Structure formats: structure tokens, C-alpha cells
Amino acid sequence: MLLDWLREARLDRVGCFKYSPVDGAAANALPDPVPEELKDERLARFMEVAAAISAEKLAAKVGQRMRVLVDSVDPEKGAIARSAADAPEIDGVVRIARPGKKLQAGDWAHVQITGADDYDLQAKIARA
């Protein structure tokens, strides 16, 4: 079963989608399409397993230092950055609390990871 394989492979960056007809696809002619409710259930189960694996792997990064690229800075909310492993607008982000006035979008920063959730990391600027 796919979920058993996913648990064993422990992939941390996965996604899935429900099948939907596409113009010209041979699968459109197959009999007995899967009901929408079952598609929704399967998608939810897959994403639940994927989120748990991601959360566990990200939690293991708490306490580590990493170099990140700053994407945006909000003086009130902090900065949004990404590691070398994160694609913009696809993968998770690194949220930097109270980054200070000197940090700007496009800067590289050294951070210490202070927390994690299913897909994102929380960090603070690392002391030299």
C-alpha cells in the first residue's frame, strides 16, 4: 500500500492530488471512476502521513544552526526565510522572530532553529 511505503521511505517533501479528467487523457475512458468522497479520503490520509513525517524530521532540526536566505522582513511579525533545501512558494519556510532592523530581503542570515511545526521552522538570529 502507498501509505506503508511512504512511512518506510520517510520522504519529507511530498504532495499529492486527486485525479481529475484532463483533455485527451486515456484514463478518462476507464470505467468505474473513483467517487469524489473516496478521492477526498485518500488525499486526506496521504497528507496526514506526509505531515507527520515532515513534522518529525523538522523537529529533529531544533537546536541546529543553519544559513538561510531572507525573502521578506516585517518589523512587527519577523522575517520569512528559506534554507538551501526549500524552494520558494513550494516548500516550508523559516520564520525568524525579531530579526532586527539590519536584516533585509535578499540577505543571508545564520539562524538557530528554535521550533518546528508540520512544514515550517521557527528560528532566531544566531549569535556569532
N, C-alpha and C. Protein backbone atom coordinates (compact mmCIF):
# COMPACT_ATOMS: atom_id res chain seq x y z
N MET A 1 0.85 -1.18 0.00
CA MET A 1 0.00 0.00 0.00
C MET A 1 0.90 1.25 0.00
N LEU A 2 0.43 2.27 -0.65
CA LEU A 2 1.20 3.51 -0.79
C LEU A 2 1.58 4.12 0.56
N LEU A 3 0.65 4.14 1.50
CA LEU A 3 0.94 4.75 2.80
C LEU A 3 2.00 3.97 3.57
N ASP A 4 1.99 2.65 3.45
CA ASP A 4 3.04 1.85 4.09
C ASP A 4 4.40 2.19 3.49
N TRP A 5 4.44 2.31 2.17
CA TRP A 5 5.69 2.66 1.50
C TRP A 5 6.16 4.05 1.94
N LEU A 6 5.23 5.01 2.01
CA LEU A 6 5.58 6.36 2.42
C LEU A 6 6.15 6.37 3.83
N ARG A 7 5.54 5.61 4.73
CA ARG A 7 6.05 5.53 6.10
C ARG A 7 7.46 4.94 6.14
N GLU A 8 7.71 3.93 5.30
CA GLU A 8 9.02 3.30 5.28
C GLU A 8 10.06 4.20 4.61
N ALA A 9 9.69 4.84 3.50
CA ALA A 9 10.63 5.69 2.76
C ALA A 9 10.93 6.99 3.51
N ARG A 10 9.97 7.45 4.32
CA ARG A 10 10.11 8.65 5.14
C ARG A 10 10.46 9.88 4.32
N LEU A 11 9.81 10.02 3.18
CA LEU A 11 10.02 11.21 2.36
C LEU A 11 9.49 12.42 3.11
N ASP A 12 10.26 13.51 3.10
CA ASP A 12 9.82 14.68 3.85
C ASP A 12 9.25 15.79 2.98
N ARG A 13 9.33 15.67 1.69
CA ARG A 13 8.80 16.71 0.80
C ARG A 13 7.97 16.04 -0.27
N VAL A 14 6.73 15.80 0.07
CA VAL A 14 5.84 15.13 -0.88
C VAL A 14 4.51 15.88 -0.94
N GLY A 15 3.82 15.64 -1.99
CA GLY A 15 2.47 16.16 -2.14
C GLY A 15 1.69 15.21 -3.00
N CYS A 16 0.42 15.42 -3.08
CA CYS A 16 -0.42 14.58 -3.93
C CYS A 16 -1.61 15.39 -4.38
N PHE A 17 -2.36 14.83 -5.29
CA PHE A 17 -3.55 15.49 -5.79
C PHE A 17 -4.57 14.44 -6.17
N LYS A 18 -5.81 14.84 -6.22
CA LYS A 18 -6.87 13.94 -6.66
C LYS A 18 -6.87 13.91 -8.19
N TYR A 19 -7.12 12.75 -8.75
CA TYR A 19 -7.23 12.65 -10.20
C TYR A 19 -8.44 13.45 -10.65
N SER A 20 -8.27 14.16 -11.73
CA SER A 20 -9.40 14.81 -12.39
C SER A 20 -9.18 14.67 -13.89
N PRO A 21 -10.26 14.56 -14.65
CA PRO A 21 -10.12 14.38 -16.09
C PRO A 21 -9.34 15.52 -16.75
N VAL A 22 -8.50 15.13 -17.69
CA VAL A 22 -7.69 16.08 -18.45
C VAL A 22 -7.97 15.83 -19.92
N ASP A 23 -8.17 16.88 -20.67
CA ASP A 23 -8.44 16.71 -22.10
C ASP A 23 -7.42 15.80 -22.75
N GLY A 24 -7.92 14.76 -23.43
CA GLY A 24 -7.07 13.86 -24.18
C GLY A 24 -6.46 12.73 -23.38
N ALA A 25 -6.68 12.66 -22.05
CA ALA A 25 -6.08 11.60 -21.23
C ALA A 25 -6.82 10.29 -21.46
N ALA A 26 -6.06 9.22 -21.66
CA ALA A 26 -6.65 7.90 -21.87
C ALA A 26 -7.45 7.45 -20.65
N ALA A 27 -7.05 7.87 -19.47
CA ALA A 27 -7.75 7.47 -18.24
C ALA A 27 -9.19 7.95 -18.21
N ASN A 28 -9.52 8.96 -18.98
CA ASN A 28 -10.90 9.47 -19.00
C ASN A 28 -11.87 8.39 -19.45
N ALA A 29 -11.41 7.44 -20.26
CA ALA A 29 -12.29 6.41 -20.82
C ALA A 29 -12.41 5.18 -19.93
N LEU A 30 -11.66 5.13 -18.83
CA LEU A 30 -11.72 3.96 -17.95
C LEU A 30 -13.08 3.88 -17.26
N PRO A 31 -13.59 2.65 -17.08
CA PRO A 31 -14.89 2.50 -16.41
C PRO A 31 -14.76 2.67 -14.90
N ASP A 32 -15.88 2.87 -14.25
CA ASP A 32 -15.98 2.93 -12.79
C ASP A 32 -15.02 3.92 -12.14
N PRO A 33 -15.19 5.20 -12.40
CA PRO A 33 -14.30 6.18 -11.77
C PRO A 33 -14.45 6.15 -10.23
N VAL A 34 -13.38 6.51 -9.57
CA VAL A 34 -13.38 6.55 -8.10
C VAL A 34 -14.28 7.71 -7.66
N PRO A 35 -15.20 7.44 -6.73
CA PRO A 35 -16.08 8.52 -6.24
C PRO A 35 -15.28 9.66 -5.59
N GLU A 36 -15.78 10.88 -5.69
CA GLU A 36 -15.11 12.05 -5.12
C GLU A 36 -14.86 11.90 -3.62
N GLU A 37 -15.83 11.32 -2.90
CA GLU A 37 -15.66 11.16 -1.45
C GLU A 37 -14.46 10.28 -1.14
N LEU A 38 -14.27 9.22 -1.91
CA LEU A 38 -13.14 8.33 -1.70
C LEU A 38 -11.83 9.03 -2.08
N LYS A 39 -11.85 9.83 -3.14
CA LYS A 39 -10.66 10.61 -3.51
C LYS A 39 -10.28 11.54 -2.35
N ASP A 40 -11.28 12.21 -1.79
CA ASP A 40 -11.03 13.13 -0.68
C ASP A 40 -10.43 12.40 0.53
N GLU A 41 -10.99 11.22 0.84
CA GLU A 41 -10.50 10.44 1.98
C GLU A 41 -9.06 10.00 1.75
N ARG A 42 -8.76 9.52 0.57
CA ARG A 42 -7.40 9.07 0.26
C ARG A 42 -6.40 10.22 0.31
N LEU A 43 -6.80 11.37 -0.23
CA LEU A 43 -5.94 12.55 -0.18
C LEU A 43 -5.66 12.95 1.26
N ALA A 44 -6.69 12.97 2.09
CA ALA A 44 -6.53 13.35 3.50
C ALA A 44 -5.61 12.38 4.24
N ARG A 45 -5.77 11.08 4.01
CA ARG A 45 -4.92 10.09 4.67
C ARG A 45 -3.47 10.25 4.24
N PHE A 46 -3.24 10.45 2.95
CA PHE A 46 -1.88 10.63 2.46
C PHE A 46 -1.24 11.86 3.09
N MET A 47 -1.96 12.98 3.07
CA MET A 47 -1.40 14.23 3.59
C MET A 47 -1.19 14.15 5.10
N GLU A 48 -2.01 13.39 5.82
CA GLU A 48 -1.81 13.22 7.25
C GLU A 48 -0.50 12.49 7.54
N VAL A 49 -0.23 11.43 6.80
CA VAL A 49 1.03 10.69 6.97
C VAL A 49 2.21 11.57 6.57
N ALA A 50 2.09 12.26 5.44
CA ALA A 50 3.17 13.13 4.97
C ALA A 50 3.47 14.23 6.00
N ALA A 51 2.43 14.83 6.57
CA ALA A 51 2.63 15.90 7.56
C ALA A 51 3.32 15.36 8.82
N ALA A 52 2.96 14.17 9.25
CA ALA A 52 3.59 13.59 10.44
C ALA A 52 5.07 13.32 10.21
N ILE A 53 5.41 12.82 9.03
CA ILE A 53 6.82 12.56 8.71
C ILE A 53 7.59 13.87 8.65
N SER A 54 7.03 14.86 7.98
CA SER A 54 7.68 16.16 7.88
C SER A 54 7.88 16.77 9.26
N ALA A 55 6.85 16.74 10.10
CA ALA A 55 6.95 17.32 11.44
C ALA A 55 8.04 16.65 12.26
N GLU A 56 8.14 15.33 12.15
CA GLU A 56 9.17 14.61 12.90
C GLU A 56 10.57 14.98 12.41
N LYS A 57 10.74 15.08 11.10
CA LYS A 57 12.05 15.43 10.56
C LYS A 57 12.43 16.87 10.89
N LEU A 58 11.46 17.78 10.84
CA LEU A 58 11.75 19.17 11.18
C LEU A 58 12.04 19.32 12.67
N ALA A 59 11.34 18.58 13.52
CA ALA A 59 11.59 18.65 14.96
C ALA A 59 13.03 18.26 15.28
N ALA A 60 13.60 17.38 14.50
CA ALA A 60 15.00 16.96 14.71
C ALA A 60 15.98 18.09 14.41
N LYS A 61 15.53 19.14 13.74
CA LYS A 61 16.41 20.27 13.42
C LYS A 61 16.45 21.31 14.54
N VAL A 62 15.54 21.21 15.50
CA VAL A 62 15.52 22.18 16.60
C VAL A 62 16.85 22.13 17.34
N GLY A 63 17.43 23.31 17.53
CA GLY A 63 18.73 23.45 18.18
C GLY A 63 19.88 23.59 17.19
N GLN A 64 19.65 23.23 15.94
CA GLN A 64 20.70 23.34 14.94
C GLN A 64 20.82 24.78 14.44
N ARG A 65 21.98 25.07 13.88
CA ARG A 65 22.21 26.35 13.22
C ARG A 65 22.14 26.11 11.72
N MET A 66 21.66 27.09 10.98
CA MET A 66 21.64 26.97 9.53
C MET A 66 21.72 28.34 8.88
N ARG A 67 22.16 28.34 7.66
CA ARG A 67 22.24 29.57 6.86
C ARG A 67 20.97 29.62 6.01
N VAL A 68 20.29 30.77 6.02
CA VAL A 68 19.04 30.92 5.28
C VAL A 68 19.08 32.18 4.42
N LEU A 69 18.26 32.20 3.40
CA LEU A 69 18.10 33.35 2.54
C LEU A 69 16.81 34.05 2.93
N VAL A 70 16.89 35.33 3.23
CA VAL A 70 15.73 36.09 3.69
C VAL A 70 14.88 36.50 2.48
N ASP A 71 13.59 36.17 2.54
CA ASP A 71 12.66 36.54 1.47
C ASP A 71 11.92 37.82 1.78
N SER A 72 11.56 38.03 3.04
CA SER A 72 10.82 39.24 3.40
C SER A 72 11.03 39.53 4.88
N VAL A 73 10.86 40.82 5.23
CA VAL A 73 11.00 41.24 6.61
C VAL A 73 9.83 42.14 6.96
N ASP A 74 9.18 41.84 8.06
CA ASP A 74 8.11 42.67 8.62
C ASP A 74 8.54 43.01 10.04
N PRO A 75 8.74 44.31 10.34
CA PRO A 75 9.23 44.68 11.67
C PRO A 75 8.35 44.16 12.81
N GLU A 76 7.06 43.99 12.55
CA GLU A 76 6.13 43.51 13.58
C GLU A 76 6.10 41.99 13.68
N LYS A 77 6.14 41.31 12.54
CA LYS A 77 5.94 39.86 12.51
C LYS A 77 7.23 39.05 12.41
N GLY A 78 8.32 39.67 12.04
CA GLY A 78 9.57 38.95 11.86
C GLY A 78 9.88 38.76 10.39
N ALA A 79 10.80 37.86 10.12
CA ALA A 79 11.25 37.64 8.74
C ALA A 79 10.85 36.24 8.27
N ILE A 80 10.70 36.14 6.97
CA ILE A 80 10.46 34.84 6.33
C ILE A 80 11.70 34.54 5.51
N ALA A 81 12.25 33.36 5.71
CA ALA A 81 13.46 32.96 5.01
C ALA A 81 13.30 31.52 4.56
N ARG A 82 14.31 31.03 3.83
CA ARG A 82 14.29 29.63 3.41
C ARG A 82 15.70 29.09 3.42
N SER A 83 15.78 27.80 3.65
CA SER A 83 17.08 27.12 3.64
C SER A 83 17.42 26.73 2.22
N ALA A 84 18.60 26.20 2.02
CA ALA A 84 19.03 25.75 0.69
C ALA A 84 18.15 24.62 0.19
N ALA A 85 17.44 23.95 1.07
CA ALA A 85 16.58 22.82 0.67
C ALA A 85 15.16 23.25 0.33
N ASP A 86 14.83 24.54 0.49
CA ASP A 86 13.45 24.99 0.32
C ASP A 86 13.27 25.81 -0.95
N ALA A 87 12.35 25.37 -1.80
CA ALA A 87 12.00 26.13 -3.00
C ALA A 87 10.97 27.18 -2.63
N PRO A 88 11.12 28.40 -3.15
CA PRO A 88 10.14 29.45 -2.81
C PRO A 88 8.74 29.09 -3.29
N GLU A 89 7.76 29.38 -2.45
CA GLU A 89 6.35 29.18 -2.73
C GLU A 89 5.95 27.71 -2.92
N ILE A 90 6.86 26.80 -2.59
CA ILE A 90 6.55 25.37 -2.69
C ILE A 90 6.78 24.69 -1.36
N ASP A 91 7.98 24.84 -0.82
CA ASP A 91 8.34 24.17 0.41
C ASP A 91 8.08 25.07 1.62
N GLY A 92 8.40 24.55 2.78
CA GLY A 92 8.20 25.31 4.01
C GLY A 92 9.13 26.50 4.09
N VAL A 93 8.94 27.27 5.15
CA VAL A 93 9.74 28.46 5.37
C VAL A 93 10.40 28.40 6.73
N VAL A 94 11.35 29.31 6.93
CA VAL A 94 11.97 29.52 8.23
C VAL A 94 11.50 30.89 8.71
N ARG A 95 10.76 30.91 9.80
CA ARG A 95 10.24 32.16 10.37
C ARG A 95 11.22 32.65 11.43
N ILE A 96 11.78 33.83 11.19
CA ILE A 96 12.77 34.38 12.11
C ILE A 96 12.09 35.41 13.01
N ALA A 97 12.09 35.15 14.30
CA ALA A 97 11.49 36.07 15.27
C ALA A 97 12.42 37.24 15.52
N ARG A 98 11.88 38.44 15.61
CA ARG A 98 12.62 39.65 15.95
C ARG A 98 13.99 39.70 15.28
N PRO A 99 14.02 39.79 13.95
CA PRO A 99 15.31 39.73 13.26
C PRO A 99 16.17 40.98 13.40
N GLY A 100 15.61 42.06 13.89
CA GLY A 100 16.39 43.29 14.00
C GLY A 100 16.23 44.14 12.74
N LYS A 101 16.59 45.38 12.83
CA LYS A 101 16.38 46.33 11.73
C LYS A 101 17.38 46.14 10.59
N LYS A 102 18.49 45.50 10.83
CA LYS A 102 19.52 45.39 9.80
C LYS A 102 19.20 44.36 8.73
N LEU A 103 18.36 43.39 9.01
CA LEU A 103 18.06 42.31 8.07
C LEU A 103 17.11 42.80 6.98
N GLN A 104 17.45 42.46 5.73
CA GLN A 104 16.63 42.86 4.58
C GLN A 104 16.43 41.67 3.65
N ALA A 105 15.37 41.75 2.82
CA ALA A 105 15.14 40.71 1.81
C ALA A 105 16.38 40.59 0.93
N GLY A 106 16.78 39.37 0.66
CA GLY A 106 17.97 39.11 -0.15
C GLY A 106 19.22 38.84 0.68
N ASP A 107 19.16 39.13 1.97
CA ASP A 107 20.31 38.87 2.85
C ASP A 107 20.40 37.39 3.19
N TRP A 108 21.62 36.94 3.44
CA TRP A 108 21.85 35.64 4.03
C TRP A 108 21.94 35.85 5.52
N ALA A 109 21.40 34.94 6.28
CA ALA A 109 21.45 35.05 7.74
C ALA A 109 21.78 33.69 8.34
N HIS A 110 22.48 33.71 9.46
CA HIS A 110 22.74 32.50 10.22
C HIS A 110 21.74 32.48 11.37
N VAL A 111 20.98 31.40 11.45
CA VAL A 111 19.93 31.31 12.46
C VAL A 111 20.11 30.04 13.29
N GLN A 112 19.48 30.06 14.46
CA GLN A 112 19.38 28.86 15.28
C GLN A 112 17.91 28.47 15.28
N ILE A 113 17.64 27.22 14.98
CA ILE A 113 16.27 26.73 14.91
C ILE A 113 15.74 26.55 16.33
N THR A 114 14.60 27.18 16.61
CA THR A 114 14.02 27.16 17.94
C THR A 114 12.73 26.36 18.03
N GLY A 115 12.13 26.04 16.90
CA GLY A 115 10.87 25.31 16.91
C GLY A 115 10.51 24.82 15.52
N ALA A 116 9.50 23.96 15.47
CA ALA A 116 9.07 23.40 14.19
C ALA A 116 7.60 23.03 14.28
N ASP A 117 6.94 23.06 13.12
CA ASP A 117 5.59 22.51 13.03
C ASP A 117 5.59 21.51 11.87
N ASP A 118 4.46 21.27 11.26
CA ASP A 118 4.41 20.25 10.21
C ASP A 118 5.32 20.56 9.02
N TYR A 119 5.39 21.84 8.62
CA TYR A 119 6.13 22.17 7.41
C TYR A 119 7.11 23.33 7.54
N ASP A 120 7.06 24.08 8.62
CA ASP A 120 7.90 25.26 8.77
C ASP A 120 8.77 25.17 10.02
N LEU A 121 9.84 25.96 9.99
CA LEU A 121 10.74 26.07 11.14
C LEU A 121 10.64 27.47 11.73
N GLN A 122 10.86 27.57 13.03
CA GLN A 122 10.96 28.85 13.70
C GLN A 122 12.44 29.00 14.10
N ALA A 123 12.90 30.25 14.07
CA ALA A 123 14.32 30.49 14.35
C ALA A 123 14.54 31.85 14.96
N LYS A 124 15.75 32.03 15.45
CA LYS A 124 16.21 33.34 15.90
C LYS A 124 17.59 33.54 15.27
N ILE A 125 17.99 34.79 15.16
CA ILE A 125 19.31 35.09 14.62
C ILE A 125 20.33 34.46 15.56
N ALA A 126 21.28 33.74 14.98
CA ALA A 126 22.31 33.06 15.78
C ALA A 126 23.38 34.06 16.18
N ARG A 127 23.83 33.92 17.38
CA ARG A 127 24.93 34.76 17.86
C ARG A 127 26.22 34.20 17.28
N ALA A 128 27.13 35.09 16.93
CA ALA A 128 28.40 34.67 16.32
C ALA A 128 29.26 33.86 17.23
